[in-house]
Amino acid sequence: RFVILGILFKIIYSLDNGLGRTPQMGWNSWNKFGCNINEELIISTIDALNSSGLLEAGYKYINLDDCWQNSRDENGTILPDYNAFPNGIKPLVDYAHSKGLLFGLYSDAGTNTCAGRPGSLGYEEIDAKTYAEWEVDYLKYDNCYNEGKPSKERYPVMRDALNKTGRAIFYSLCQWGEEDVPTWGKDVGNSWRTTGDIGDNWNSMVSIIDTNDKSYQYGGPGGWNDPDMLEVGNGGMTLTEYKTHFGLWAISKAPLLIGCDITTMGKDIKDILTNLEIIAINQDSLGEQGRKIKIKEAIPEGKGPDLVPSKLFINECNGRIEQKWYIERDQSIRNNDENLCIDIPDCNQKDITVQTYTCHVGSILYCEWSTNQQWIYSNQTIISRMNTSKCLDIFNHTGPDVQTHECNGNESQIWEYNEEEHTLKNNGKCLSSLVEYGKVEIWAGNLSDKSYAVLLINRASYRANINISWEEIGFKEKNATLRDLWEKTDLGEFTDGYNITLDSHDSQMLKVTPIKDEDGGDEDDEEDGGSSGQAFVIVGIVFGCLIILINR
């Protein structure tokens, strides 16, 4: 009996809005505009969503983030900022609906929003009732000013208040991934943030998606892992990086919430956001989150480690070739390889960690005749020819990193060159070079038509090869057909695997369809049928027990 009551309790106290069968798609104001939102901006964005092809591509929500609200009246009802929204919120909702869109608002499970506007803690039923009266379709619910109360206590209160209104309102938990929310979020919301806020740069984006990937098993129809909104089009990444960003969110079944100004976006950005074949991966009815299945060393195109930037540091002397240096007449300092030179990355004039890189001294293509690879060795100091005020220096006096720094004659800038050993020593330790290969990644996930979505990513800082085998993806067939989803091109049939060379931070999204062997059966169909039958039996048992309990 207690088991049955537990099942019934879970059914009753859970989100019951029928929404989120696929990840939500739309637009949100925060990443681009922050608190600088107003009625005119929202109307123009509604018009742009409707007329640009974004709505047709699936972007149906238009969501106002923080700063639309200002105060409460004497009854506790939330009031908009009438300076920014002179006609209130309801007319905007009606206008969005008239254009075929759905409308979303933002609040906070705290006393205030993150921008200091009134939060909903203690006002959950009043606010939910207000949203329903305005015919709002979506609520993003943040986590600031929460008085230290656990999320598991605060977020279900708004869930229940939304359920009570009788209006289906998508419930998005912006809870920053705290308190292991992926393990319980599906009982409370339609999506839940797994991370902190995204930034419009490569390092932030890949860090965010790496964190989100750890919870891949918890997302699915009705509730999704949310690694935050898209930065595509905001200007902090290259077009190549934005394509990779979008591909990662798509295969991860993440919400696709545009965060740029769509009224001014260019064709290149629109082409990324409206690629229907990529969107189809995200919206696939199976709802299985794709994940990172393999990390490999990024082998550079061409041959040899000379194409890979390598780190410089000080280390105990060991006589190995990475500690052999040659001070040449052309003022380069070359590693034992002879084609690797001490190099200041990107001709940077500031203090920066130095590296070894392919020698190009004398070339007019780099840093004023390649002076970023030329050094003056004088009085046991190594002075940059590109900027003679900078010397080779041990970071923070103790290292191990080696950098350029203002010449000061300190011990950290004293280098003893031994012409017989070909070593450069500082305080008994040797200057060392270590090739650090970047990484390439394979992401994959099952699709409803029994094909596979596969995303190949070069996370290295150089052009590199990447190869995959069908076994790595997870199927046993020998042959498969491939389609490039960015190029919308069939690539043909491939045996055992596939390889490609990608530029730094570039990616390729593939749809891989195994070709069944002639004698191969389709055991999955039988397994699926068995699972479906078991599901019906379970549902029948639950409802049968409910009837028995009611009769008692």
Protein backbone atom coordinates (compact mmCIF):
# COMPACT_ATOMS: atom_id res chain seq x y z
CA ARG A 1 0.00 0.00 0.00
CA PHE A 2 2.81 2.45 0.86
CA VAL A 3 4.47 1.84 -2.50
CA ILE A 4 1.18 2.53 -4.29
CA LEU A 5 0.61 5.71 -2.28
CA GLY A 6 4.15 6.82 -3.14
CA ILE A 7 3.45 6.38 -6.85
CA LEU A 8 0.19 8.31 -6.56
CA PHE A 9 1.92 11.09 -4.58
CA LYS A 10 4.50 11.45 -7.36
CA ILE A 11 1.73 11.66 -9.99
CA ILE A 12 -0.24 14.29 -8.07
CA TYR A 13 2.70 16.45 -6.98
CA SER A 14 4.41 16.91 -10.31
CA LEU A 15 4.21 19.25 -13.24
CA ASP A 16 1.10 18.55 -15.27
CA ASN A 17 0.99 20.89 -18.27
CA GLY A 18 1.66 18.58 -21.22
CA LEU A 19 4.36 20.93 -22.54
CA GLY A 20 7.99 20.47 -23.51
CA ARG A 21 7.68 17.29 -25.54
CA THR A 22 10.62 18.70 -27.49
CA PRO A 23 13.06 21.40 -26.29
CA GLN A 24 11.58 24.89 -26.30
CA MET A 25 12.53 27.29 -29.11
CA GLY A 26 12.19 31.06 -29.11
CA TRP A 27 13.85 34.35 -28.25
CA ASN A 28 14.91 35.87 -24.93
CA SER A 29 15.84 39.46 -24.22
CA TRP A 30 18.63 39.09 -21.67
CA ASN A 31 21.85 38.15 -23.48
CA LYS A 32 21.70 41.12 -25.84
CA PHE A 33 19.65 43.75 -24.03
CA GLY A 34 19.82 43.03 -20.29
CA CYS A 35 17.56 45.54 -18.54
CA ASN A 36 17.36 47.79 -21.61
CA ILE A 37 13.99 46.49 -22.77
CA ASN A 38 10.82 48.35 -23.67
CA GLU A 39 7.56 48.01 -25.52
CA GLU A 40 8.94 49.22 -28.85
CA LEU A 41 11.78 46.66 -28.79
CA ILE A 42 9.43 43.79 -28.01
CA ILE A 43 6.95 44.76 -30.72
CA SER A 44 9.72 45.00 -33.32
CA THR A 45 11.09 41.63 -32.19
CA ILE A 46 7.64 40.04 -32.46
CA ASP A 47 7.39 41.39 -36.00
CA ALA A 48 10.88 40.10 -36.85
CA LEU A 49 10.17 36.62 -35.50
CA ASN A 50 7.02 36.51 -37.58
CA SER A 51 8.47 37.86 -40.83
CA SER A 52 12.06 36.55 -40.89
CA GLY A 53 11.33 32.85 -41.15
CA LEU A 54 12.28 32.21 -37.51
CA LEU A 55 8.72 31.37 -36.49
CA GLU A 56 8.42 28.98 -39.43
CA ALA A 57 11.67 27.35 -38.29
CA GLY A 58 10.11 26.67 -34.87
CA TYR A 59 11.00 29.68 -32.72
CA LYS A 60 7.59 30.30 -31.19
CA TYR A 61 8.28 31.83 -27.75
CA ILE A 62 9.12 35.50 -27.21
CA ASN A 63 10.34 35.86 -23.63
CA LEU A 64 10.86 39.01 -21.60
CA ASP A 65 13.63 38.44 -19.10
CA ASP A 66 14.39 40.51 -15.98
CA CYS A 67 13.37 44.19 -15.59
CA TRP A 68 9.86 44.17 -17.08
CA GLN A 69 8.37 44.44 -13.57
CA ASN A 70 8.65 47.37 -11.17
CA SER A 71 6.48 47.08 -8.04
CA ARG A 72 3.34 45.61 -6.46
CA ASP A 73 0.00 47.25 -5.72
CA GLU A 74 -1.78 47.25 -2.37
CA ASN A 75 -3.13 43.76 -3.08
CA GLY A 76 0.30 42.35 -3.89
CA THR A 77 -0.34 42.13 -7.63
CA ILE A 78 2.82 42.53 -9.71
CA LEU A 79 2.96 45.70 -11.80
CA PRO A 80 5.05 46.32 -14.93
CA ASP A 81 7.53 49.14 -15.36
CA TYR A 82 5.16 51.59 -17.00
CA ASN A 83 8.03 53.81 -18.15
CA ALA A 84 9.24 50.98 -20.39
CA PHE A 85 5.84 49.37 -21.00
CA PRO A 86 3.26 52.19 -20.91
CA ASN A 87 0.43 49.95 -22.06
CA GLY A 88 1.29 47.11 -19.70
CA ILE A 89 2.00 43.47 -20.53
CA LYS A 90 -1.39 42.13 -21.67
CA PRO A 91 -1.46 44.06 -24.97
CA LEU A 92 2.01 42.67 -25.82
CA VAL A 93 0.79 39.15 -25.07
CA ASP A 94 -2.22 39.70 -27.31
CA TYR A 95 -0.05 41.10 -30.10
CA ALA A 96 2.32 38.12 -29.90
CA HIS A 97 -0.63 35.71 -30.04
CA SER A 98 -2.05 37.54 -33.05
CA LYS A 99 1.24 36.86 -34.86
CA GLY A 100 1.20 33.16 -34.05
CA LEU A 101 3.71 33.41 -31.20
CA LEU A 102 3.65 32.44 -27.53
CA PHE A 103 4.64 34.89 -24.80
CA GLY A 104 6.91 34.41 -21.79
CA LEU A 105 7.83 36.34 -18.66
CA TYR A 106 10.53 36.14 -16.01
CA SER A 107 10.41 36.07 -12.23
CA ASP A 108 12.49 34.82 -9.34
CA ALA A 109 12.11 32.28 -6.53
CA GLY A 110 13.39 34.95 -4.15
CA THR A 111 12.35 38.25 -2.62
CA ASN A 112 13.89 40.11 -5.57
CA THR A 113 14.96 39.31 -9.10
CA CYS A 114 18.65 39.28 -9.95
CA ALA A 115 18.32 42.91 -11.12
CA GLY A 116 16.58 43.93 -7.90
CA ARG A 117 12.98 43.98 -9.13
CA PRO A 118 10.19 42.32 -7.08
CA GLY A 119 10.53 38.53 -6.87
CA SER A 120 7.79 35.95 -6.40
CA LEU A 121 8.83 34.31 -3.10
CA GLY A 122 5.69 34.41 -0.96
CA TYR A 123 3.61 35.69 -3.90
CA GLU A 124 3.54 32.52 -5.99
CA GLU A 125 -0.24 32.09 -6.23
CA ILE A 126 -0.90 35.79 -6.82
CA ASP A 127 1.72 35.96 -9.58
CA ALA A 128 0.69 32.70 -11.23
CA LYS A 129 -2.93 33.92 -11.29
CA THR A 130 -1.80 37.21 -12.85
CA TYR A 131 0.25 35.47 -15.53
CA ALA A 132 -2.71 33.24 -16.37
CA GLU A 133 -5.06 36.23 -16.58
CA TRP A 134 -2.62 37.89 -18.99
CA GLU A 135 -2.54 34.59 -20.95
CA VAL A 136 1.20 34.20 -20.52
CA ASP A 137 2.60 30.93 -21.93
CA TYR A 138 6.07 30.63 -20.36
CA LEU A 139 7.78 31.44 -17.07
CA LYS A 140 11.53 31.60 -16.53
CA TYR A 141 12.10 31.39 -12.77
CA ASP A 142 15.45 32.60 -11.40
CA ASN A 143 17.27 31.94 -8.12
CA CYS A 144 18.51 35.25 -6.66
CA TYR A 145 17.73 36.65 -3.16
CA ASN A 146 16.41 33.25 -2.07
CA GLU A 147 16.97 33.77 1.69
CA GLY A 148 19.04 30.60 1.77
CA LYS A 149 16.01 28.37 1.39
CA PRO A 150 16.56 25.12 -0.56
CA SER A 151 15.47 25.06 -4.18
CA LYS A 152 13.50 21.86 -3.56
CA GLU A 153 11.27 23.88 -1.23
CA ARG A 154 10.89 27.05 -3.32
CA TYR A 155 10.48 25.84 -6.90
CA PRO A 156 7.63 23.33 -6.37
CA VAL A 157 5.51 26.11 -4.81
CA MET A 158 5.40 27.98 -8.13
CA ARG A 159 4.85 24.71 -9.99
CA ASP A 160 1.75 24.04 -7.91
CA ALA A 161 0.55 27.64 -8.30
CA LEU A 162 0.88 27.38 -12.08
CA ASN A 163 -0.95 24.04 -12.11
CA LYS A 164 -3.72 25.56 -10.03
CA THR A 165 -4.46 28.24 -12.64
CA GLY A 166 -5.53 25.62 -15.17
CA ARG A 167 -3.46 27.35 -17.87
CA ALA A 168 -0.61 25.44 -19.51
CA ILE A 169 2.45 27.59 -18.79
CA PHE A 170 5.92 26.29 -19.69
CA TYR A 171 7.95 26.31 -16.45
CA SER A 172 11.70 26.95 -16.90
CA LEU A 173 13.83 26.60 -13.76
CA CYS A 174 16.79 29.00 -13.82
CA GLN A 175 18.36 27.40 -10.77
CA TRP A 176 22.00 27.41 -11.99
CA GLY A 177 22.45 23.64 -11.64
CA GLU A 178 22.56 23.75 -7.84
CA GLU A 179 21.39 21.00 -5.48
CA ASP A 180 21.76 18.35 -8.19
CA VAL A 181 18.68 19.71 -9.97
CA PRO A 182 18.85 17.35 -13.00
CA THR A 183 17.91 14.46 -10.71
CA TRP A 184 14.64 16.07 -9.58
CA GLY A 185 13.94 18.85 -12.09
CA LYS A 186 11.58 16.81 -14.26
CA ASP A 187 9.04 16.51 -11.43
CA VAL A 188 9.02 20.28 -11.06
CA GLY A 189 9.68 22.01 -14.40
CA ASN A 190 9.83 21.62 -18.15
CA SER A 191 13.51 22.57 -18.20
CA TRP A 192 16.20 23.29 -15.63
CA ARG A 193 19.47 25.16 -15.85
CA THR A 194 22.47 22.91 -15.35
CA THR A 195 25.06 25.70 -15.21
CA GLY A 196 25.78 29.33 -14.42
CA ASP A 197 25.35 32.06 -17.03
CA ILE A 198 26.94 31.69 -20.46
CA GLY A 199 29.35 34.30 -21.82
CA ASP A 200 29.73 35.30 -25.46
CA ASN A 201 33.13 33.64 -25.93
CA TRP A 202 34.48 30.22 -26.91
CA ASN A 203 35.88 29.22 -23.51
CA SER A 204 32.65 30.00 -21.67
CA MET A 205 30.52 28.24 -24.26
CA VAL A 206 32.48 24.95 -24.28
CA SER A 207 32.81 24.97 -20.49
CA ILE A 208 29.04 25.38 -20.14
CA ILE A 209 28.22 22.53 -22.52
CA ASP A 210 30.81 20.24 -20.88
CA THR A 211 29.03 20.73 -17.56
CA ASN A 212 25.62 20.17 -19.13
CA ASP A 213 26.84 16.95 -20.75
CA LYS A 214 27.38 15.34 -17.35
CA SER A 215 23.59 15.20 -16.85
CA TYR A 216 22.74 13.75 -20.27
CA GLN A 217 20.68 10.86 -18.86
CA TYR A 218 18.12 13.11 -17.13
CA GLY A 219 16.77 15.09 -20.09
CA GLY A 220 13.92 13.90 -22.27
CA PRO A 221 10.37 14.65 -23.43
CA GLY A 222 8.64 16.87 -20.88
CA GLY A 223 11.83 18.10 -19.20
CA TRP A 224 15.20 19.22 -20.57
CA ASN A 225 18.71 20.04 -19.38
CA ASP A 226 19.31 23.74 -20.05
CA PRO A 227 22.89 25.04 -20.54
CA ASP A 228 21.57 28.63 -20.91
CA MET A 229 20.50 30.69 -23.89
CA LEU A 230 22.23 31.00 -27.25
CA GLU A 231 24.90 33.67 -27.85
CA VAL A 232 24.84 33.17 -31.64
CA GLY A 233 24.99 36.59 -33.31
CA ASN A 234 26.16 38.71 -30.38
CA GLY A 235 29.66 39.24 -31.79
CA GLY A 236 31.99 37.62 -29.26
CA MET A 237 32.77 34.52 -31.31
CA THR A 238 33.63 33.84 -34.93
CA LEU A 239 31.03 32.57 -37.37
CA THR A 240 32.73 29.16 -37.24
CA GLU A 241 32.48 29.10 -33.45
CA TYR A 242 28.81 30.12 -33.57
CA LYS A 243 28.08 27.18 -35.88
CA THR A 244 29.77 24.85 -33.41
CA HIS A 245 27.85 26.50 -30.55
CA PHE A 246 24.54 25.95 -32.31
CA GLY A 247 25.42 22.38 -33.25
CA LEU A 248 26.34 21.54 -29.65
CA TRP A 249 23.04 22.92 -28.32
CA ALA A 250 21.11 21.09 -31.03
CA ILE A 251 22.61 17.65 -30.45
CA SER A 252 22.38 18.12 -26.66
CA LYS A 253 18.62 18.66 -26.93
CA ALA A 254 19.10 22.02 -25.23
CA PRO A 255 16.50 24.80 -25.44
CA LEU A 256 17.14 26.90 -28.55
CA LEU A 257 16.48 30.40 -27.23
CA ILE A 258 17.97 33.08 -29.47
CA GLY A 259 19.79 35.79 -27.54
CA CYS A 260 20.77 38.31 -30.24
CA ASP A 261 19.04 41.27 -31.87
CA ILE A 262 17.07 39.55 -34.62
CA THR A 263 15.91 42.88 -36.06
CA THR A 264 19.46 43.58 -37.29
CA MET A 265 21.00 40.11 -37.72
CA GLY A 266 22.83 39.38 -40.96
CA LYS A 267 22.25 36.54 -43.37
CA ASP A 268 25.13 34.44 -41.99
CA ILE A 269 23.61 34.42 -38.52
CA LYS A 270 20.11 33.79 -39.84
CA ASP A 271 21.41 30.86 -41.88
CA ILE A 272 22.81 29.28 -38.71
CA LEU A 273 19.64 29.81 -36.69
CA THR A 274 17.27 28.59 -39.43
CA ASN A 275 19.10 25.49 -40.61
CA LEU A 276 16.12 23.15 -40.53
CA GLU A 277 18.23 19.97 -40.67
CA ILE A 278 20.15 20.97 -37.55
CA ILE A 279 16.94 22.04 -35.82
CA ALA A 280 15.40 18.66 -36.69
CA ILE A 281 18.13 16.95 -34.64
CA ASN A 282 17.19 19.09 -31.64
CA GLN A 283 13.45 18.54 -32.10
CA ASP A 284 13.61 14.81 -32.85
CA SER A 285 10.67 13.06 -31.21
CA LEU A 286 12.82 10.41 -29.49
CA GLY A 287 14.19 13.16 -27.27
CA GLU A 288 17.47 11.42 -26.47
CA GLN A 289 20.17 13.88 -25.48
CA GLY A 290 23.30 13.44 -27.57
CA ARG A 291 26.52 13.34 -25.59
CA LYS A 292 30.28 13.38 -25.84
CA ILE A 293 31.34 9.82 -26.55
CA LYS A 294 35.02 10.25 -27.42
CA ILE A 295 37.91 12.68 -26.86
CA LYS A 296 41.08 12.27 -28.92
CA GLU A 297 44.37 14.09 -29.44
CA ALA A 298 44.11 16.56 -32.30
CA ILE A 299 46.69 15.38 -34.80
CA PRO A 300 47.67 18.38 -36.93
CA GLU A 301 47.19 18.35 -40.66
CA GLY A 302 50.55 17.61 -42.23
CA LYS A 303 53.22 15.89 -40.16
CA GLY A 304 55.27 16.53 -37.05
CA PRO A 305 54.65 18.42 -33.80
CA ASP A 306 56.24 21.55 -35.26
CA LEU A 307 52.76 22.60 -36.38
CA VAL A 308 51.50 22.60 -32.79
CA PRO A 309 52.22 25.49 -30.40
CA SER A 310 54.04 24.16 -27.35
CA LYS A 311 54.32 25.44 -23.83
CA LEU A 312 57.55 26.82 -22.36
CA PHE A 313 58.32 26.21 -18.70
CA ILE A 314 61.22 25.59 -16.31
CA ASN A 315 61.86 22.09 -15.05
CA GLU A 316 64.54 19.93 -13.47
CA CYS A 317 67.33 19.41 -16.01
CA ASN A 318 67.15 15.98 -17.63
CA GLY A 319 69.24 16.21 -20.82
CA ARG A 320 66.29 15.46 -23.10
CA ILE A 321 65.80 17.16 -26.46
CA GLU A 322 62.98 19.40 -25.20
CA GLN A 323 65.68 21.17 -23.13
CA LYS A 324 68.16 21.65 -26.01
CA TRP A 325 68.40 25.23 -27.34
CA TYR A 326 70.43 26.90 -30.07
CA ILE A 327 70.93 30.68 -30.16
CA GLU A 328 71.28 31.38 -33.89
CA ARG A 329 72.80 34.23 -35.88
CA ASP A 330 69.35 35.27 -37.15
CA GLN A 331 68.53 35.97 -33.46
CA SER A 332 66.14 33.08 -33.21
CA ILE A 333 66.34 30.62 -30.31
CA ARG A 334 65.59 27.19 -31.70
CA ASN A 335 64.69 23.96 -30.00
CA ASN A 336 66.65 20.80 -30.87
CA ASP A 337 64.05 20.10 -33.59
CA GLU A 338 65.56 23.15 -35.39
CA ASN A 339 62.17 24.09 -36.82
CA LEU A 340 60.71 25.23 -33.51
CA CYS A 341 61.48 28.76 -32.32
CA ILE A 342 60.69 30.61 -29.11
CA ASP A 343 57.70 32.69 -30.12
CA ILE A 344 55.53 35.48 -28.70
CA PRO A 345 51.95 34.48 -29.61
CA ASP A 346 49.99 36.86 -31.84
CA CYS A 347 52.71 39.54 -31.72
CA ASN A 348 51.41 40.51 -28.27
CA GLN A 349 53.11 43.57 -26.74
CA LYS A 350 51.85 42.83 -23.23
CA ASP A 351 53.15 40.35 -20.67
CA ILE A 352 52.24 36.97 -22.12
CA THR A 353 53.22 33.33 -21.76
CA VAL A 354 55.63 32.42 -24.57
CA GLN A 355 55.66 29.24 -26.63
CA THR A 356 57.60 27.43 -29.33
CA TYR A 357 56.13 27.51 -32.79
CA THR A 358 57.16 26.80 -36.37
CA CYS A 359 60.13 29.06 -37.18
CA HIS A 360 59.38 31.86 -39.64
CA VAL A 361 62.20 34.35 -38.96
CA GLY A 362 62.66 36.68 -41.93
CA SER A 363 59.10 36.28 -43.21
CA ILE A 364 57.24 39.53 -43.90
CA LEU A 365 53.96 37.80 -43.06
CA TYR A 366 54.49 37.90 -39.31
CA CYS A 367 54.96 40.76 -36.84
CA GLU A 368 57.19 43.17 -38.76
CA TRP A 369 59.53 40.62 -40.35
CA SER A 370 58.92 38.05 -37.61
CA THR A 371 60.54 39.95 -34.77
CA ASN A 372 58.23 38.05 -32.41
CA GLN A 373 60.69 35.15 -32.86
CA GLN A 374 63.90 37.16 -32.50
CA TRP A 375 65.76 37.61 -29.23
CA ILE A 376 68.89 39.47 -28.11
CA TYR A 377 70.99 37.46 -25.65
CA SER A 378 73.03 39.96 -23.64
CA ASN A 379 74.44 39.86 -20.11
CA GLN A 380 72.55 36.63 -19.43
CA THR A 381 69.20 38.22 -20.24
CA ILE A 382 67.02 37.36 -23.23
CA ILE A 383 65.46 40.51 -24.68
CA SER A 384 62.63 40.56 -27.22
CA ARG A 385 63.58 42.28 -30.46
CA MET A 386 59.91 43.04 -31.12
CA ASN A 387 59.76 45.08 -27.91
CA THR A 388 63.16 45.68 -26.35
CA SER A 389 61.61 46.64 -23.02
CA LYS A 390 60.47 43.03 -22.56
CA CYS A 391 62.62 40.14 -21.33
CA LEU A 392 62.13 36.40 -20.99
CA ASP A 393 60.95 35.97 -17.40
CA ILE A 394 59.88 33.21 -15.01
CA PHE A 395 56.29 33.86 -14.05
CA ASN A 396 55.90 35.06 -10.45
CA HIS A 397 59.61 34.25 -9.88
CA THR A 398 58.83 30.59 -9.19
CA GLY A 399 57.21 29.44 -12.47
CA PRO A 400 56.85 27.00 -13.93
CA ASP A 401 55.47 29.12 -16.80
CA VAL A 402 57.77 31.41 -18.75
CA GLN A 403 56.54 34.78 -20.01
CA THR A 404 57.61 38.15 -21.34
CA HIS A 405 57.87 40.87 -18.70
CA GLU A 406 59.35 44.35 -18.28
CA CYS A 407 63.14 44.01 -18.14
CA ASN A 408 64.27 44.60 -14.56
CA GLY A 409 67.45 42.56 -13.99
CA ASN A 410 65.77 40.37 -11.39
CA GLU A 411 66.92 36.79 -10.84
CA SER A 412 63.83 35.53 -12.68
CA GLN A 413 65.30 37.04 -15.87
CA ILE A 414 68.83 35.62 -15.60
CA TRP A 415 69.51 32.82 -18.08
CA GLU A 416 72.83 30.96 -18.22
CA TYR A 417 73.48 29.54 -21.69
CA ASN A 418 75.72 26.47 -21.84
CA GLU A 419 76.98 26.12 -25.42
CA GLU A 420 78.18 22.54 -24.89
CA GLU A 421 74.98 21.24 -23.29
CA HIS A 422 72.82 23.65 -25.28
CA THR A 423 70.79 24.47 -22.17
CA LEU A 424 69.31 27.68 -20.83
CA LYS A 425 69.28 27.57 -17.03
CA ASN A 426 67.72 29.76 -14.39
CA ASN A 427 68.73 29.06 -10.82
CA GLY A 428 69.74 25.52 -11.77
CA LYS A 429 66.56 24.63 -13.65
CA CYS A 430 66.32 24.24 -17.42
CA LEU A 431 64.10 25.92 -19.95
CA SER A 432 61.86 23.20 -21.38
CA SER A 433 59.42 22.83 -24.24
CA LEU A 434 56.42 20.54 -24.17
CA VAL A 435 54.10 19.97 -27.09
CA GLU A 436 50.52 20.16 -25.86
CA TYR A 437 48.16 18.68 -28.38
CA GLY A 438 44.66 20.05 -28.45
CA LYS A 439 41.60 17.83 -28.51
CA VAL A 440 39.01 16.70 -30.99
CA GLU A 441 35.65 15.37 -29.85
CA ILE A 442 32.91 13.09 -31.09
CA TRP A 443 29.35 13.72 -29.90
CA ALA A 444 26.55 11.35 -30.86
CA GLY A 445 22.95 10.48 -30.11
CA ASN A 446 20.17 8.20 -31.33
CA LEU A 447 17.32 9.52 -33.47
CA SER A 448 13.76 8.30 -33.81
CA ASP A 449 14.30 6.90 -37.32
CA LYS A 450 17.15 4.71 -35.97
CA SER A 451 19.83 6.87 -37.52
CA TYR A 452 22.45 8.74 -35.47
CA ALA A 453 23.24 12.42 -35.05
CA VAL A 454 27.03 12.85 -34.95
CA LEU A 455 28.92 16.07 -34.24
CA LEU A 456 32.67 16.22 -34.89
CA ILE A 457 34.48 19.13 -33.20
CA ASN A 458 38.06 20.40 -33.39
CA ARG A 459 38.72 22.14 -30.06
CA ALA A 460 42.42 22.60 -30.83
CA SER A 461 43.97 25.93 -31.82
CA TYR A 462 45.16 24.52 -35.16
CA ARG A 463 43.78 22.64 -38.16
CA ALA A 464 43.50 18.95 -37.32
CA ASN A 465 42.30 15.57 -38.51
CA ILE A 466 39.44 13.73 -36.85
CA ASN A 467 38.28 10.19 -37.51
CA ILE A 468 35.43 8.06 -36.23
CA SER A 469 34.53 4.40 -36.45
CA TRP A 470 31.00 3.05 -36.50
CA GLU A 471 31.85 0.99 -33.43
CA GLU A 472 32.58 4.20 -31.50
CA ILE A 473 29.14 5.53 -32.37
CA GLY A 474 27.52 2.31 -31.26
CA PHE A 475 26.30 0.25 -34.19
CA LYS A 476 27.61 -3.01 -35.64
CA GLU A 477 26.76 -2.56 -39.33
CA LYS A 478 29.76 -2.25 -41.60
CA ASN A 479 28.34 0.38 -43.95
CA ALA A 480 26.44 3.62 -43.42
CA THR A 481 25.25 6.58 -45.45
CA LEU A 482 26.24 10.07 -44.33
CA ARG A 483 24.61 13.45 -44.78
CA ASP A 484 26.34 16.75 -43.95
CA LEU A 485 23.61 18.77 -42.23
CA TRP A 486 25.29 22.16 -42.45
CA GLU A 487 25.96 21.77 -46.17
CA LYS A 488 22.66 19.90 -46.71
CA THR A 489 24.56 17.42 -48.86
CA ASP A 490 24.58 13.64 -49.06
CA LEU A 491 28.17 12.44 -48.73
CA GLY A 492 27.54 8.87 -49.83
CA GLU A 493 28.21 5.45 -48.36
CA PHE A 494 31.15 4.79 -46.04
CA THR A 495 32.61 1.55 -44.73
CA ASP A 496 33.76 1.09 -41.10
CA GLY A 497 34.11 4.81 -40.40
CA TYR A 498 34.80 8.33 -41.62
CA ASN A 499 37.45 11.04 -41.32
CA ILE A 500 37.76 14.74 -42.05
CA THR A 501 40.13 17.64 -41.45
CA LEU A 502 38.63 20.62 -39.62
CA ASP A 503 39.86 24.13 -38.93
CA SER A 504 40.33 25.28 -35.35
CA HIS A 505 36.99 25.38 -33.46
CA ASP A 506 35.15 24.14 -36.55
CA SER A 507 32.70 21.25 -36.55
CA GLN A 508 30.73 19.00 -38.84
CA MET A 509 27.21 17.78 -38.06
CA LEU A 510 26.34 14.47 -39.68
CA LYS A 511 23.32 12.24 -39.91
CA VAL A 512 24.64 8.68 -40.02
CA THR A 513 22.27 5.94 -41.19
CA PRO A 514 23.47 2.34 -40.82
CA ILE A 515 22.81 0.06 -43.77
CA LYS A 516 21.33 -3.18 -42.47
CA ASP A 517 23.18 -6.35 -43.39
CA GLU A 518 21.19 -8.60 -45.72
CA ASP A 519 20.77 -11.26 -43.03
CA GLY A 520 20.30 -8.75 -40.21
CA GLY A 521 17.04 -8.76 -38.28
CA ASP A 522 15.46 -5.85 -36.49
CA GLU A 523 15.55 -6.93 -32.90
CA ASP A 524 15.06 -3.36 -31.67
CA ASP A 525 11.48 -3.36 -32.95
CA GLU A 526 10.66 -6.36 -30.79
CA GLU A 527 12.34 -4.75 -27.79
CA ASP A 528 10.45 -1.50 -28.32
CA GLY A 529 7.18 -3.39 -28.56
CA GLY A 530 7.94 -5.23 -25.35
CA SER A 531 8.76 -1.98 -23.56
CA SER A 532 5.53 -0.40 -24.77
CA GLY A 533 3.54 -3.37 -23.53
CA GLN A 534 5.20 -3.17 -20.13
CA ALA A 535 4.39 0.53 -19.95
CA PHE A 536 0.69 -0.14 -20.58
CA VAL A 537 0.68 -2.83 -17.88
CA ILE A 538 2.25 -0.44 -15.35
CA VAL A 539 -0.25 2.32 -16.15
CA GLY A 540 -3.09 -0.16 -15.81
CA ILE A 541 -1.85 -1.32 -12.40
CA VAL A 542 -1.51 2.25 -11.12
CA PHE A 543 -5.03 3.26 -12.16
CA GLY A 544 -6.47 -0.03 -10.91
CA CYS A 545 -4.93 0.60 -7.49
CA LEU A 546 -6.30 4.14 -7.52
CA ILE A 547 -9.84 2.79 -8.08
CA ILE A 548 -9.42 0.29 -5.24
CA LEU A 549 -8.23 3.01 -2.86
CA ILE A 550 -11.13 5.27 -3.79
CA ASN A 551 -13.67 2.46 -3.19
CA ARG A 552 -12.17 1.80 0.25
